[in-house]
Structures are given as structure tokens and as C-alpha cells.
């Protein structure tokens, strides 16, 4: 199991690589500023997708064909 420090480090590294330093900092600011319920967000995020659609999207993504 990874430590909290390692998860924070890897998360920030991923954000910086994907968004760049300025946009990564902006993302963190947005999360801290707004009331955000991750569980509710996840529940609503995929409500219009079937299990098969999600599975196929995940399979495509992990195989690098997206």
C-alpha cells in the first residue's frame, strides 16, 4: 500500500504532466474552493452508461487504442 505522501506526489505529478503547472495549481484551487462530494460526482458521472459500455471504454483506454 502506498503512503499518503506517495499518493499526493504521484497525483500532483500526473496533474502537472497532463495540465501543466499553472493549470494543475488552478485545479487544486477549484477543488479546495468549491464544495465537492466525490462519491456523488462518481454516482452521477456514469449514470447514462451500461456496465458493458464502461467495461469496453476501460478496455480500450488501457490498451492504448483511445
N, C-alpha and C. Protein backbone atom coordinates (compact mmCIF):
# COMPACT_ATOMS: atom_id res chain seq x y z
N UNK A 1 0.84 -1.18 0.00
CA UNK A 1 0.00 0.00 0.00
C UNK A 1 0.89 1.24 0.00
N UNK A 2 0.51 2.21 -0.82
CA UNK A 2 1.29 3.45 -0.91
C UNK A 2 0.98 4.36 0.27
N UNK A 3 1.96 5.13 0.66
CA UNK A 3 1.76 6.10 1.73
C UNK A 3 0.98 7.30 1.20
N UNK A 4 0.40 8.08 2.11
CA UNK A 4 -0.31 9.29 1.71
C UNK A 4 0.61 10.25 0.96
N UNK A 5 1.85 10.34 1.42
CA UNK A 5 2.82 11.22 0.77
C UNK A 5 3.08 10.80 -0.67
N UNK A 6 3.22 9.50 -0.89
CA UNK A 6 3.47 8.99 -2.25
C UNK A 6 2.26 9.23 -3.15
N UNK A 7 1.07 9.04 -2.62
CA UNK A 7 -0.14 9.28 -3.42
C UNK A 7 -0.23 10.76 -3.80
N UNK A 8 0.03 11.65 -2.85
CA UNK A 8 0.00 13.09 -3.16
C UNK A 8 1.05 13.43 -4.21
N UNK A 9 2.25 12.89 -4.05
CA UNK A 9 3.33 13.16 -5.01
C UNK A 9 2.96 12.69 -6.41
N UNK A 10 2.47 11.45 -6.51
CA UNK A 10 2.12 10.90 -7.82
C UNK A 10 0.92 11.63 -8.43
N UNK A 11 -0.04 12.02 -7.58
CA UNK A 11 -1.20 12.76 -8.06
C UNK A 11 -0.80 14.11 -8.63
N UNK A 12 0.04 14.83 -7.90
CA UNK A 12 0.49 16.14 -8.38
C UNK A 12 1.35 15.99 -9.64
N UNK A 13 2.16 14.96 -9.68
CA UNK A 13 2.98 14.71 -10.88
C UNK A 13 2.08 14.47 -12.09
N UNK A 14 1.02 13.66 -11.91
CA UNK A 14 0.09 13.37 -13.01
C UNK A 14 -0.62 14.64 -13.45
N UNK A 15 -1.06 15.45 -12.49
CA UNK A 15 -1.72 16.71 -12.84
C UNK A 15 -0.78 17.63 -13.60
N UNK A 16 0.45 17.75 -13.12
CA UNK A 16 1.42 18.63 -13.81
C UNK A 16 1.71 18.14 -15.22
N UNK A 17 1.86 16.83 -15.38
CA UNK A 17 2.16 16.28 -16.70
C UNK A 17 0.99 16.46 -17.67
N UNK A 18 -0.22 16.32 -17.16
CA UNK A 18 -1.41 16.41 -18.02
C UNK A 18 -1.84 17.86 -18.25
N UNK A 19 -1.81 18.68 -17.19
CA UNK A 19 -2.34 20.04 -17.28
C UNK A 19 -1.29 21.13 -17.36
N UNK A 20 -0.07 20.83 -16.95
CA UNK A 20 0.95 21.86 -16.80
C UNK A 20 0.86 22.44 -15.40
N UNK A 21 1.91 23.14 -14.99
CA UNK A 21 1.99 23.60 -13.60
C UNK A 21 0.89 24.59 -13.24
N UNK A 22 0.62 25.56 -14.10
CA UNK A 22 -0.37 26.59 -13.79
C UNK A 22 -1.78 26.00 -13.70
N UNK A 23 -2.15 25.19 -14.68
CA UNK A 23 -3.49 24.60 -14.68
C UNK A 23 -3.65 23.58 -13.56
N UNK A 24 -2.59 22.87 -13.20
CA UNK A 24 -2.66 21.93 -12.08
C UNK A 24 -2.94 22.69 -10.78
N UNK A 25 -2.26 23.80 -10.56
CA UNK A 25 -2.49 24.63 -9.38
C UNK A 25 -3.92 25.20 -9.40
N UNK A 26 -4.37 25.57 -10.56
CA UNK A 26 -5.73 26.10 -10.69
C UNK A 26 -6.75 25.02 -10.35
N UNK A 27 -6.52 23.79 -10.81
CA UNK A 27 -7.40 22.67 -10.50
C UNK A 27 -7.48 22.45 -8.98
N UNK A 28 -6.33 22.45 -8.32
CA UNK A 28 -6.31 22.26 -6.86
C UNK A 28 -7.10 23.38 -6.18
N UNK A 29 -6.91 24.61 -6.63
CA UNK A 29 -7.65 25.74 -6.07
C UNK A 29 -9.16 25.57 -6.23
N UNK A 30 -9.58 25.11 -7.40
CA UNK A 30 -11.00 24.90 -7.65
C UNK A 30 -11.57 23.83 -6.72
N UNK A 31 -10.85 22.75 -6.53
CA UNK A 31 -11.30 21.68 -5.65
C UNK A 31 -11.41 22.17 -4.21
N UNK A 32 -10.43 22.93 -3.76
CA UNK A 32 -10.44 23.42 -2.38
C UNK A 32 -11.51 24.48 -2.15
N UNK A 33 -11.80 25.27 -3.16
CA UNK A 33 -12.74 26.38 -3.03
C UNK A 33 -14.20 25.92 -3.06
N UNK A 34 -14.50 24.93 -3.87
CA UNK A 34 -15.88 24.50 -4.06
C UNK A 34 -16.22 23.32 -3.16
N UNK A 35 -17.47 23.27 -2.76
CA UNK A 35 -17.97 22.10 -2.05
C UNK A 35 -18.02 20.96 -3.06
N UNK A 36 -17.36 19.87 -2.77
CA UNK A 36 -17.23 18.80 -3.75
C UNK A 36 -17.43 17.46 -3.06
N UNK A 37 -18.41 16.70 -3.48
CA UNK A 37 -18.68 15.38 -2.94
C UNK A 37 -18.28 14.36 -4.00
N UNK A 38 -17.11 13.75 -3.81
CA UNK A 38 -16.57 12.82 -4.79
C UNK A 38 -17.51 11.65 -5.04
N UNK A 39 -18.10 11.12 -3.96
CA UNK A 39 -18.99 9.97 -4.10
C UNK A 39 -20.20 10.32 -4.96
N UNK A 40 -20.80 11.45 -4.71
CA UNK A 40 -21.95 11.90 -5.51
C UNK A 40 -21.53 12.14 -6.96
N UNK A 41 -20.37 12.76 -7.16
CA UNK A 41 -19.86 13.02 -8.50
C UNK A 41 -19.70 11.72 -9.28
N UNK A 42 -19.10 10.71 -8.64
CA UNK A 42 -18.92 9.41 -9.29
C UNK A 42 -20.25 8.76 -9.62
N UNK A 43 -21.21 8.89 -8.72
CA UNK A 43 -22.53 8.30 -8.93
C UNK A 43 -23.20 8.91 -10.16
N UNK A 44 -23.06 10.22 -10.34
CA UNK A 44 -23.69 10.91 -11.46
C UNK A 44 -22.89 10.83 -12.75
N UNK A 45 -21.59 10.63 -12.63
CA UNK A 45 -20.70 10.66 -13.80
C UNK A 45 -21.06 9.63 -14.85
N UNK A 46 -21.38 8.42 -14.44
CA UNK A 46 -21.61 7.33 -15.38
C UNK A 46 -23.05 6.85 -15.40
N UNK A 47 -24.00 7.65 -14.95
CA UNK A 47 -25.38 7.18 -14.82
C UNK A 47 -26.03 6.81 -16.15
N UNK A 48 -25.55 7.34 -17.26
CA UNK A 48 -26.14 7.04 -18.56
C UNK A 48 -25.39 5.95 -19.32
N UNK A 49 -24.45 5.29 -18.66
CA UNK A 49 -23.65 4.24 -19.30
C UNK A 49 -23.96 2.88 -18.69
N UNK A 50 -23.99 1.86 -19.53
CA UNK A 50 -24.18 0.50 -19.03
C UNK A 50 -22.83 -0.06 -18.56
N UNK A 51 -22.89 -1.14 -17.83
CA UNK A 51 -21.67 -1.80 -17.36
C UNK A 51 -20.82 -2.22 -18.56
N UNK A 52 -21.46 -2.74 -19.60
CA UNK A 52 -20.73 -3.16 -20.81
C UNK A 52 -20.03 -1.98 -21.49
N UNK A 53 -20.71 -0.84 -21.56
CA UNK A 53 -20.09 0.36 -22.16
C UNK A 53 -18.88 0.81 -21.36
N UNK A 54 -19.02 0.81 -20.04
CA UNK A 54 -17.90 1.20 -19.18
C UNK A 54 -16.73 0.22 -19.31
N UNK A 55 -17.06 -1.07 -19.32
CA UNK A 55 -16.02 -2.09 -19.46
C UNK A 55 -15.27 -1.92 -20.78
N UNK A 56 -16.00 -1.74 -21.88
CA UNK A 56 -15.36 -1.59 -23.18
C UNK A 56 -14.52 -0.32 -23.27
N UNK A 57 -15.01 0.77 -22.68
CA UNK A 57 -14.24 2.02 -22.66
C UNK A 57 -12.96 1.85 -21.86
N UNK A 58 -13.04 1.17 -20.71
CA UNK A 58 -11.86 0.94 -19.90
C UNK A 58 -10.86 0.03 -20.62
N UNK A 59 -11.37 -0.99 -21.27
CA UNK A 59 -10.53 -1.93 -22.01
C UNK A 59 -9.80 -1.20 -23.15
N UNK A 60 -10.52 -0.37 -23.87
CA UNK A 60 -9.91 0.41 -24.96
C UNK A 60 -8.86 1.36 -24.42
N UNK A 61 -9.18 2.03 -23.32
CA UNK A 61 -8.24 3.01 -22.73
C UNK A 61 -6.95 2.31 -22.28
N UNK A 62 -7.07 1.19 -21.60
CA UNK A 62 -5.87 0.53 -21.08
C UNK A 62 -5.04 -0.12 -22.18
N UNK A 63 -5.66 -0.41 -23.32
CA UNK A 63 -4.90 -1.00 -24.41
C UNK A 63 -4.23 0.07 -25.28
N UNK A 64 -4.50 1.35 -24.99
CA UNK A 64 -3.88 2.43 -25.73
C UNK A 64 -4.51 2.75 -27.06
N UNK A 65 -5.72 2.27 -27.28
CA UNK A 65 -6.39 2.48 -28.57
C UNK A 65 -7.36 3.63 -28.55
N UNK A 66 -7.37 4.41 -27.48
CA UNK A 66 -8.34 5.51 -27.40
C UNK A 66 -7.92 6.66 -28.29
